[in-house]
Amino acid sequence: MRTASSNFVAFVAPSTKHLVRWLAVPALSLALHSAPAVAATEGCSDATLVGSYGFTIQGFSPNPDGTTSPIKGVAVTEFDGAGKLTQRDFVITAGVPNVGNGNAETGFVFSTGETGTYTLNSDCTGTAEIDLNVPVPFGSKGVIKLMLVVTNGGRAIHTVVSELTSPGATAPSLVTTSSDAWKIDSDRDRH
């Protein structure tokens, strides 16, 4: 014999089954759609940066009289995925091209022969050092040290110059320069 309470259980049980089935589909869908987000936050390594990146460079360089001069430039940097890089750039300071970038009489060119190294941490922060390799009679051949952050799954890089030793200098100088880069690729390289 059924009581009122057993009728209630019989009535609730089928709707609970339907509710569980109804909630299982969205829960599974949510879990599957979250998987790429989890994979994207697994971190970075030197292998994250492979190929060519186009940089825009902007900042200021202090002058001996206490004023500053604007720095603007562009660069293409090739990362090998194993901690080494090569770079070519065109940079002007206070409207004057840097050594190796030519002039209005001889023509403007990108500096070449720049090499360096980089290291990426698992949290996508890292460092890089670019050796400008400018032939000078004495002093440094030019070294730029960078702090960097990689975003967008390795498709963008943001840097700040932490130290600059200009070609011919014997000690680093202060600069407030940063750059942003985006991966240069064709549509076929996108996933």
Protein backbone atom coordinates (compact mmCIF):
# COMPACT_ATOMS: atom_id res chain seq x y z
CA MET A 1 0.00 0.00 0.00
CA ARG A 2 1.30 3.45 -0.94
CA THR A 3 1.24 6.27 1.46
CA ALA A 4 1.23 9.93 0.66
CA SER A 5 4.98 10.11 1.32
CA SER A 6 5.77 7.21 -1.02
CA ASN A 7 3.71 8.90 -3.75
CA PHE A 8 5.77 12.02 -3.20
CA VAL A 9 9.04 10.05 -3.65
CA ALA A 10 7.69 8.39 -6.78
CA PHE A 11 6.69 11.78 -8.12
CA VAL A 12 10.02 13.49 -7.29
CA ALA A 13 12.35 10.76 -8.53
CA PRO A 14 11.51 11.04 -12.27
CA SER A 15 11.78 14.83 -12.28
CA THR A 16 15.14 14.62 -10.43
CA LYS A 17 16.42 12.27 -13.14
CA HIS A 18 15.37 14.73 -15.81
CA LEU A 19 16.91 17.62 -13.90
CA VAL A 20 20.23 15.77 -13.58
CA ARG A 21 20.20 14.97 -17.32
CA TRP A 22 19.23 18.55 -18.14
CA LEU A 23 22.11 19.95 -16.02
CA ALA A 24 24.67 17.40 -17.20
CA VAL A 25 24.65 18.64 -20.80
CA PRO A 26 25.48 22.30 -19.97
CA ALA A 27 28.02 21.22 -17.35
CA LEU A 28 29.81 18.97 -19.86
CA SER A 29 29.67 21.70 -22.49
CA LEU A 30 31.13 24.23 -20.04
CA ALA A 31 33.93 21.84 -19.10
CA LEU A 32 34.82 21.19 -22.74
CA HIS A 33 34.82 24.88 -23.63
CA SER A 34 37.03 25.69 -20.62
CA ALA A 35 39.75 23.24 -21.69
CA PRO A 36 41.43 25.64 -24.16
CA ALA A 37 41.52 28.38 -21.52
CA VAL A 38 43.28 26.05 -19.11
CA ALA A 39 45.77 25.02 -21.80
CA ALA A 40 46.46 28.66 -22.67
CA THR A 41 47.40 29.46 -19.07
CA GLU A 42 49.86 26.58 -18.70
CA GLY A 43 52.71 29.03 -19.21
CA CYS A 44 55.60 29.93 -21.44
CA SER A 45 59.09 28.72 -22.24
CA ASP A 46 61.78 29.80 -24.68
CA ALA A 47 59.94 27.69 -27.27
CA THR A 48 56.93 30.04 -27.04
CA LEU A 49 58.78 32.61 -29.16
CA VAL A 50 59.51 31.28 -32.65
CA GLY A 51 59.62 33.29 -35.84
CA SER A 52 59.50 36.98 -36.74
CA TYR A 53 58.00 39.76 -34.61
CA GLY A 54 57.52 43.38 -35.64
CA PHE A 55 58.29 45.88 -32.85
CA THR A 56 57.41 49.53 -32.34
CA ILE A 57 59.85 51.33 -30.06
CA GLN A 58 59.12 54.51 -28.11
CA GLY A 59 60.62 56.38 -25.19
CA PHE A 60 62.96 59.09 -24.02
CA SER A 61 66.70 59.40 -23.53
CA PRO A 62 68.14 61.89 -21.02
CA ASN A 63 70.49 64.60 -22.31
CA PRO A 64 73.48 65.96 -20.35
CA ASP A 65 71.62 69.26 -19.73
CA GLY A 66 68.76 67.48 -17.91
CA THR A 67 66.30 67.56 -20.81
CA THR A 68 65.14 64.46 -22.65
CA SER A 69 65.03 63.50 -26.30
CA PRO A 70 62.32 61.30 -27.83
CA ILE A 71 63.22 57.86 -29.14
CA LYS A 72 61.14 56.24 -31.89
CA GLY A 73 61.83 53.16 -33.92
CA VAL A 74 60.79 49.91 -35.52
CA ALA A 75 62.45 46.50 -35.51
CA VAL A 76 62.06 42.99 -36.79
CA THR A 77 63.31 40.34 -34.38
CA GLU A 78 63.69 36.65 -35.21
CA PHE A 79 63.34 34.26 -32.25
CA ASP A 80 64.63 30.69 -32.68
CA GLY A 81 62.55 29.04 -29.93
CA ALA A 82 65.72 28.04 -28.08
CA GLY A 83 66.80 31.31 -26.45
CA LYS A 84 68.64 33.04 -29.31
CA LEU A 85 67.56 36.02 -31.42
CA THR A 86 68.66 38.24 -34.28
CA GLN A 87 67.37 41.73 -34.94
CA ARG A 88 67.39 44.54 -37.48
CA ASP A 89 66.06 47.97 -36.55
CA PHE A 90 65.70 51.62 -37.48
CA VAL A 91 65.77 53.99 -34.50
CA ILE A 92 65.89 57.78 -34.26
CA THR A 93 66.69 59.88 -31.19
CA ALA A 94 65.63 63.54 -31.28
CA GLY A 95 65.01 63.16 -35.01
CA VAL A 96 68.51 61.86 -35.77
CA PRO A 97 68.99 58.23 -36.94
CA ASN A 98 71.14 56.07 -34.69
CA VAL A 99 74.64 55.06 -35.82
CA GLY A 100 74.28 52.53 -38.62
CA ASN A 101 70.86 53.73 -39.81
CA GLY A 102 72.24 56.06 -42.49
CA ASN A 103 71.25 59.64 -43.27
CA ALA A 104 69.43 61.75 -45.84
CA GLU A 105 72.51 61.99 -48.08
CA THR A 106 73.48 58.32 -48.14
CA GLY A 107 70.03 56.85 -47.59
CA PHE A 108 68.37 55.32 -44.58
CA VAL A 109 68.84 51.63 -43.77
CA PHE A 110 67.98 49.15 -41.06
CA SER A 111 70.83 48.24 -38.72
CA THR A 112 71.81 44.60 -39.16
CA GLY A 113 74.05 42.18 -37.32
CA GLU A 114 72.30 42.52 -33.95
CA THR A 115 72.25 39.25 -32.00
CA GLY A 116 71.20 38.22 -28.54
CA THR A 117 69.61 35.85 -26.10
CA TYR A 118 66.31 35.60 -24.25
CA THR A 119 64.80 33.57 -21.43
CA LEU A 120 61.09 33.09 -20.72
CA ASN A 121 59.71 31.97 -17.37
CA SER A 122 56.63 29.77 -17.02
CA ASP A 123 54.57 32.84 -16.01
CA CYS A 124 55.40 34.43 -19.42
CA THR A 125 57.75 37.05 -17.96
CA GLY A 126 61.35 37.08 -19.08
CA THR A 127 64.53 38.87 -20.03
CA ALA A 128 66.45 39.52 -23.21
CA GLU A 129 69.82 40.96 -24.09
CA ILE A 130 70.52 42.42 -27.52
CA ASP A 131 74.13 42.94 -28.61
CA LEU A 132 74.15 45.78 -31.16
CA ASN A 133 77.61 44.76 -32.44
CA VAL A 134 78.42 48.28 -33.65
CA PRO A 135 82.10 48.50 -34.65
CA VAL A 136 83.66 51.16 -32.43
CA PRO A 137 87.32 51.89 -31.61
CA PHE A 138 86.80 51.52 -27.83
CA GLY A 139 84.14 50.81 -25.23
CA SER A 140 80.99 48.78 -25.63
CA LYS A 141 79.70 47.62 -28.99
CA GLY A 142 76.25 48.40 -27.59
CA VAL A 143 74.06 46.27 -25.32
CA ILE A 144 70.34 46.55 -24.58
CA LYS A 145 68.91 44.62 -21.63
CA LEU A 146 65.13 44.11 -21.57
CA MET A 147 62.45 42.95 -19.18
CA LEU A 148 59.55 41.45 -21.12
CA VAL A 149 56.07 39.94 -20.93
CA VAL A 150 54.65 37.61 -23.58
CA THR A 151 50.87 37.65 -24.14
CA ASN A 152 48.23 36.30 -26.49
CA GLY A 153 49.65 32.79 -26.57
CA GLY A 154 53.06 33.99 -27.76
CA ARG A 155 51.70 36.30 -30.45
CA ALA A 156 52.55 39.58 -28.63
CA ILE A 157 55.56 40.83 -26.67
CA HIS A 158 55.83 43.91 -24.43
CA THR A 159 59.25 45.15 -23.26
CA VAL A 160 60.91 47.80 -21.13
CA VAL A 161 64.61 48.61 -21.43
CA SER A 162 66.18 47.88 -18.05
CA GLU A 163 69.69 48.92 -19.10
CA LEU A 164 71.34 50.42 -22.19
CA THR A 165 75.04 50.66 -22.87
CA SER A 166 75.42 52.72 -26.03
CA PRO A 167 78.10 51.90 -28.61
CA GLY A 168 81.41 53.38 -27.46
CA ALA A 169 80.22 53.90 -23.87
CA THR A 170 81.96 52.40 -20.86
CA ALA A 171 78.90 52.42 -18.58
CA PRO A 172 75.12 52.05 -18.98
CA SER A 173 72.95 55.14 -19.42
CA LEU A 174 69.40 55.82 -18.26
CA VAL A 175 66.56 55.53 -20.75
CA THR A 176 62.81 55.23 -20.46
CA THR A 177 62.13 53.14 -23.52
CA SER A 178 59.59 50.42 -24.18
CA SER A 179 58.39 48.42 -27.14
CA ASP A 180 55.45 46.31 -28.24
CA ALA A 181 55.58 43.54 -30.83
CA TRP A 182 53.23 41.35 -32.76
CA LYS A 183 54.03 38.12 -34.53
CA ILE A 184 54.53 38.51 -38.28
CA ASP A 185 52.91 35.60 -40.08
CA SER A 186 50.54 34.59 -42.80
CA ASP A 187 47.01 33.28 -42.27
CA ARG A 188 48.23 29.73 -42.74
CA ASP A 189 50.34 30.02 -39.55
CA ARG A 190 47.29 30.70 -37.38
CA HIS A 191 45.65 27.86 -35.50
